[in-house]
Amino acid sequence: MAQAGYQPEGMVNNAWGKGDKLGIITSSDHGSTHISYAMVCTSDPSRKWILDAIRKRHTYGATDNIILDVRMGQHFVGDEFRLSAAQPLRVKVRGTRSIAKLDVIKDSEVIYSTAPNRRDADFEFTDKGSVAGRHYYYVRVLQEDEMIAWSSPMFVNYR
């Protein structure tokens, strides 16, 4: 069976751009254990609540045990919601190593980037660009050891 190879039209950001609402996880298999983590954000670790969080896309992927918390007002990663004006995106990260780069991405374009150069980052960012219509935002973290984490997007419909 031939490998399909790199297929740019199959990238998840293309689905987001078409309006599909997909969350992010990563997952190791039996041949590559402990090199990627499917992170699920829930206040209750029971099966019921974990499945509920997955259905809400309250998830993120990581290649190390990186803690990532991304919110906009009362909304969390994976949420779809309406706003009349841009609100601050609140980002909290705790890496296992120093964070080399942290990007805020809107509609597949980096709109903010910082290099905290420490294990913890905590900041707010407000989109100063055009916010008319529908947009998606997510956060990508790169540690100095090249381990990464990326959040599920938030889907924002601006009035």
C-alpha atoms as a PDB file:
ATOM      1  CA  MET A   1       0.000   0.000   0.000  1.00  0.00           C
ATOM      2  CA  ALA A   2       1.480   3.368  -1.023  1.00  0.00           C
ATOM      3  CA  GLN A   3       1.766   6.239   1.402  1.00  0.00           C
ATOM      4  CA  ALA A   4      -0.452   9.203   0.617  1.00  0.00           C
ATOM      5  CA  GLY A   5       2.289  11.726   1.370  1.00  0.00           C
ATOM      6  CA  TYR A   6       1.852  15.357   2.277  1.00  0.00           C
ATOM      7  CA  GLN A   7      -1.626  16.588   1.356  1.00  0.00           C
ATOM      8  CA  PRO A   8      -1.969  20.307   2.249  1.00  0.00           C
ATOM      9  CA  GLU A   9      -5.693  20.286   1.437  1.00  0.00           C
ATOM     10  CA  GLY A  10      -6.156  17.817   4.307  1.00  0.00           C
ATOM     11  CA  MET A  11      -4.864  20.182   7.005  1.00  0.00           C
ATOM     12  CA  VAL A  12      -7.244  20.878   9.874  1.00  0.00           C
ATOM     13  CA  ASN A  13      -7.089  24.659   9.398  1.00  0.00           C
ATOM     14  CA  ASN A  14      -8.717  24.163   5.973  1.00  0.00           C
ATOM     15  CA  ALA A  15     -11.657  22.472   7.694  1.00  0.00           C
ATOM     16  CA  TRP A  16     -11.861  25.341  10.219  1.00  0.00           C
ATOM     17  CA  GLY A  17     -11.827  27.849   7.354  1.00  0.00           C
ATOM     18  CA  LYS A  18     -14.807  26.052   5.789  1.00  0.00           C
ATOM     19  CA  GLY A  19     -16.748  26.329   9.053  1.00  0.00           C
ATOM     20  CA  ASP A  20     -16.138  22.838  10.436  1.00  0.00           C
ATOM     21  CA  LYS A  21     -15.793  22.859  14.203  1.00  0.00           C
ATOM     22  CA  LEU A  22     -13.089  20.343  15.137  1.00  0.00           C
ATOM     23  CA  GLY A  23     -11.088  20.120  18.354  1.00  0.00           C
ATOM     24  CA  ILE A  24      -7.430  19.169  18.771  1.00  0.00           C
ATOM     25  CA  ILE A  25      -5.912  16.181  20.543  1.00  0.00           C
ATOM     26  CA  THR A  26      -2.732  14.209  20.027  1.00  0.00           C
ATOM     27  CA  SER A  27      -2.297  10.555  20.784  1.00  0.00           C
ATOM     28  CA  SER A  28       0.486   8.012  21.047  1.00  0.00           C
ATOM     29  CA  ASP A  29      -0.003   4.434  19.967  1.00  0.00           C
ATOM     30  CA  HIS A  30       1.531   1.230  21.308  1.00  0.00           C
ATOM     31  CA  GLY A  31       4.752   1.841  19.375  1.00  0.00           C
ATOM     32  CA  SER A  32       5.285   5.424  20.524  1.00  0.00           C
ATOM     33  CA  THR A  33       4.080   5.753  24.098  1.00  0.00           C
ATOM     34  CA  HIS A  34       4.587   8.904  26.133  1.00  0.00           C
ATOM     35  CA  ILE A  35       5.439  11.198  23.200  1.00  0.00           C
ATOM     36  CA  SER A  36       2.073  12.888  22.766  1.00  0.00           C
ATOM     37  CA  TYR A  37      -0.809  13.686  25.048  1.00  0.00           C
ATOM     38  CA  ALA A  38      -4.527  14.160  24.448  1.00  0.00           C
ATOM     39  CA  MET A  39      -5.387  16.810  27.031  1.00  0.00           C
ATOM     40  CA  VAL A  40      -9.004  17.131  28.151  1.00  0.00           C
ATOM     41  CA  CYS A  41     -10.062  20.093  30.292  1.00  0.00           C
ATOM     42  CA  THR A  42     -12.747  19.224  32.830  1.00  0.00           C
ATOM     43  CA  SER A  43     -13.408  19.864  36.503  1.00  0.00           C
ATOM     44  CA  ASP A  44     -14.563  16.259  37.055  1.00  0.00           C
ATOM     45  CA  PRO A  45     -12.353  13.308  35.979  1.00  0.00           C
ATOM     46  CA  SER A  46     -15.290  10.901  35.644  1.00  0.00           C
ATOM     47  CA  ARG A  47     -15.971   9.197  32.299  1.00  0.00           C
ATOM     48  CA  LYS A  48     -19.186  11.195  31.827  1.00  0.00           C
ATOM     49  CA  TRP A  49     -17.472  14.570  32.248  1.00  0.00           C
ATOM     50  CA  ILE A  50     -14.410  13.630  30.179  1.00  0.00           C
ATOM     51  CA  LEU A  51     -16.656  12.620  27.267  1.00  0.00           C
ATOM     52  CA  ASP A  52     -18.677  15.820  27.697  1.00  0.00           C
ATOM     53  CA  ALA A  53     -15.481  17.905  27.514  1.00  0.00           C
ATOM     54  CA  ILE A  54     -14.351  16.056  24.374  1.00  0.00           C
ATOM     55  CA  ARG A  55     -17.728  16.695  22.725  1.00  0.00           C
ATOM     56  CA  LYS A  56     -17.371  20.414  23.587  1.00  0.00           C
ATOM     57  CA  ARG A  57     -13.838  20.427  22.103  1.00  0.00           C
ATOM     58  CA  HIS A  58     -12.420  21.483  25.487  1.00  0.00           C
ATOM     59  CA  THR A  59      -9.189  19.798  24.482  1.00  0.00           C
ATOM     60  CA  TYR A  60      -5.638  20.446  23.359  1.00  0.00           C
ATOM     61  CA  GLY A  61      -2.698  18.455  22.097  1.00  0.00           C
ATOM     62  CA  ALA A  62       0.844  18.360  23.419  1.00  0.00           C
ATOM     63  CA  THR A  63       4.063  16.432  22.947  1.00  0.00           C
ATOM     64  CA  ASP A  64       4.970  16.881  26.617  1.00  0.00           C
ATOM     65  CA  ASN A  65       3.089  17.441  29.860  1.00  0.00           C
ATOM     66  CA  ILE A  66       2.467  21.115  29.073  1.00  0.00           C
ATOM     67  CA  ILE A  67      -0.415  22.836  30.859  1.00  0.00           C
ATOM     68  CA  LEU A  68      -2.353  25.226  28.601  1.00  0.00           C
ATOM     69  CA  ASP A  69      -5.370  27.337  29.598  1.00  0.00           C
ATOM     70  CA  VAL A  70      -6.903  29.611  26.940  1.00  0.00           C
ATOM     71  CA  ARG A  71     -10.069  31.635  27.533  1.00  0.00           C
ATOM     72  CA  MET A  72     -11.940  34.631  26.154  1.00  0.00           C
ATOM     73  CA  GLY A  73     -14.254  36.105  28.770  1.00  0.00           C
ATOM     74  CA  GLN A  74     -16.353  33.215  30.076  1.00  0.00           C
ATOM     75  CA  HIS A  75     -15.551  31.079  27.022  1.00  0.00           C
ATOM     76  CA  PHE A  76     -13.039  28.256  26.798  1.00  0.00           C
ATOM     77  CA  VAL A  77     -11.173  26.563  23.943  1.00  0.00           C
ATOM     78  CA  GLY A  78     -13.547  24.711  21.658  1.00  0.00           C
ATOM     79  CA  ASP A  79     -16.477  27.019  22.352  1.00  0.00           C
ATOM     80  CA  GLU A  80     -18.453  28.771  19.638  1.00  0.00           C
ATOM     81  CA  PHE A  81     -19.945  32.102  20.687  1.00  0.00           C
ATOM     82  CA  ARG A  82     -21.037  35.585  19.601  1.00  0.00           C
ATOM     83  CA  LEU A  83     -19.429  38.904  20.488  1.00  0.00           C
ATOM     84  CA  SER A  84     -20.123  42.477  19.466  1.00  0.00           C
ATOM     85  CA  ALA A  85     -16.471  43.562  19.918  1.00  0.00           C
ATOM     86  CA  ALA A  86     -13.081  41.938  20.483  1.00  0.00           C
ATOM     87  CA  GLN A  87     -12.412  40.749  24.020  1.00  0.00           C
ATOM     88  CA  PRO A  88      -9.043  39.860  25.547  1.00  0.00           C
ATOM     89  CA  LEU A  89      -7.762  36.347  24.957  1.00  0.00           C
ATOM     90  CA  ARG A  90      -6.353  35.098  28.277  1.00  0.00           C
ATOM     91  CA  VAL A  91      -3.451  32.624  28.006  1.00  0.00           C
ATOM     92  CA  LYS A  92      -1.764  30.717  30.824  1.00  0.00           C
ATOM     93  CA  VAL A  93       0.954  28.161  30.108  1.00  0.00           C
ATOM     94  CA  ARG A  94       3.202  26.024  32.277  1.00  0.00           C
ATOM     95  CA  GLY A  95       5.827  24.184  30.290  1.00  0.00           C
ATOM     96  CA  THR A  96       8.181  21.428  31.302  1.00  0.00           C
ATOM     97  CA  ARG A  97      11.038  23.522  29.902  1.00  0.00           C
ATOM     98  CA  SER A  98      11.489  27.158  28.980  1.00  0.00           C
ATOM     99  CA  ILE A  99       8.930  28.420  26.433  1.00  0.00           C
ATOM    100  CA  ALA A 100      10.801  29.621  23.346  1.00  0.00           C
ATOM    101  CA  LYS A 101       7.790  30.885  21.392  1.00  0.00           C
ATOM    102  CA  LEU A 102       4.090  31.357  21.944  1.00  0.00           C
ATOM    103  CA  ASP A 103       1.768  32.270  19.064  1.00  0.00           C
ATOM    104  CA  VAL A 104      -1.834  33.465  18.947  1.00  0.00           C
ATOM    105  CA  ILE A 105      -3.315  32.393  15.620  1.00  0.00           C
ATOM    106  CA  LYS A 106      -6.428  33.825  13.954  1.00  0.00           C
ATOM    107  CA  ASP A 107      -7.769  32.204  10.800  1.00  0.00           C
ATOM    108  CA  SER A 108      -4.433  30.408  10.146  1.00  0.00           C
ATOM    109  CA  GLU A 109      -2.349  33.604  10.520  1.00  0.00           C
ATOM    110  CA  VAL A 110      -0.105  34.428  13.485  1.00  0.00           C
ATOM    111  CA  ILE A 111      -1.416  37.720  14.906  1.00  0.00           C
ATOM    112  CA  TYR A 112       0.701  37.812  18.062  1.00  0.00           C
ATOM    113  CA  SER A 113       3.944  36.143  19.034  1.00  0.00           C
ATOM    114  CA  THR A 114       6.062  36.310  22.156  1.00  0.00           C
ATOM    115  CA  ALA A 115       9.169  34.575  23.506  1.00  0.00           C
ATOM    116  CA  PRO A 116       8.758  34.275  27.292  1.00  0.00           C
ATOM    117  CA  ASN A 117      12.020  32.287  27.746  1.00  0.00           C
ATOM    118  CA  ARG A 118      10.754  30.830  31.015  1.00  0.00           C
ATOM    119  CA  ARG A 119       8.559  27.862  31.996  1.00  0.00           C
ATOM    120  CA  ASP A 120       5.475  29.951  32.787  1.00  0.00           C
ATOM    121  CA  ALA A 121       3.624  32.486  30.674  1.00  0.00           C
ATOM    122  CA  ASP A 122       0.504  34.431  31.625  1.00  0.00           C
ATOM    123  CA  PHE A 123      -0.821  37.238  29.424  1.00  0.00           C
ATOM    124  CA  GLU A 124      -3.818  38.794  27.711  1.00  0.00           C
ATOM    125  CA  PHE A 125      -4.028  39.705  24.052  1.00  0.00           C
ATOM    126  CA  THR A 126      -6.818  41.611  22.291  1.00  0.00           C
ATOM    127  CA  ASP A 127      -7.235  41.338  18.529  1.00  0.00           C
ATOM    128  CA  LYS A 128      -6.752  44.822  17.048  1.00  0.00           C
ATOM    129  CA  GLY A 129      -7.566  43.727  13.488  1.00  0.00           C
ATOM    130  CA  SER A 130     -10.907  43.433  11.750  1.00  0.00           C
ATOM    131  CA  VAL A 131     -13.297  41.276  13.727  1.00  0.00           C
ATOM    132  CA  ALA A 132     -16.352  41.458  11.490  1.00  0.00           C
ATOM    133  CA  GLY A 133     -17.856  38.049  10.740  1.00  0.00           C
ATOM    134  CA  ARG A 134     -16.666  34.613  11.829  1.00  0.00           C
ATOM    135  CA  HIS A 135     -13.120  33.902  13.034  1.00  0.00           C
ATOM    136  CA  TYR A 136     -11.280  31.153  14.855  1.00  0.00           C
ATOM    137  CA  TYR A 137      -8.426  31.625  17.328  1.00  0.00           C
ATOM    138  CA  TYR A 138      -6.002  29.154  18.844  1.00  0.00           C
ATOM    139  CA  VAL A 139      -2.677  29.159  20.677  1.00  0.00           C
ATOM    140  CA  ARG A 140       0.518  27.291  19.810  1.00  0.00           C
ATOM    141  CA  VAL A 141       3.387  26.819  22.286  1.00  0.00           C
ATOM    142  CA  LEU A 142       6.964  25.818  21.409  1.00  0.00           C
ATOM    143  CA  GLN A 143       9.415  24.948  24.170  1.00  0.00           C
ATOM    144  CA  GLU A 144      13.200  25.303  23.868  1.00  0.00           C
ATOM    145  CA  ASP A 145      13.443  21.493  23.564  1.00  0.00           C
ATOM    146  CA  GLU A 146      11.024  21.623  20.561  1.00  0.00           C
ATOM    147  CA  MET A 147       8.129  20.052  22.470  1.00  0.00           C
ATOM    148  CA  ILE A 148       4.851  21.717  21.477  1.00  0.00           C
ATOM    149  CA  ALA A 149       1.263  22.241  22.548  1.00  0.00           C
ATOM    150  CA  TRP A 150      -1.655  23.719  20.619  1.00  0.00           C
ATOM    151  CA  SER A 151      -5.149  24.471  21.740  1.00  0.00           C
ATOM    152  CA  SER A 152      -8.429  23.678  20.095  1.00  0.00           C
ATOM    153  CA  PRO A 153      -9.744  26.855  18.497  1.00  0.00           C
ATOM    154  CA  MET A 154     -12.448  29.174  19.738  1.00  0.00           C
ATOM    155  CA  PHE A 155     -15.027  29.975  17.060  1.00  0.00           C
ATOM    156  CA  VAL A 156     -16.134  33.589  17.398  1.00  0.00           C
ATOM    157  CA  ASN A 157     -19.023  35.130  15.471  1.00  0.00           C
ATOM    158  CA  TYR A 158     -18.777  38.915  15.670  1.00  0.00           C
ATOM    159  CA  ARG A 159     -21.919  40.977  15.097  1.00  0.00           C
END
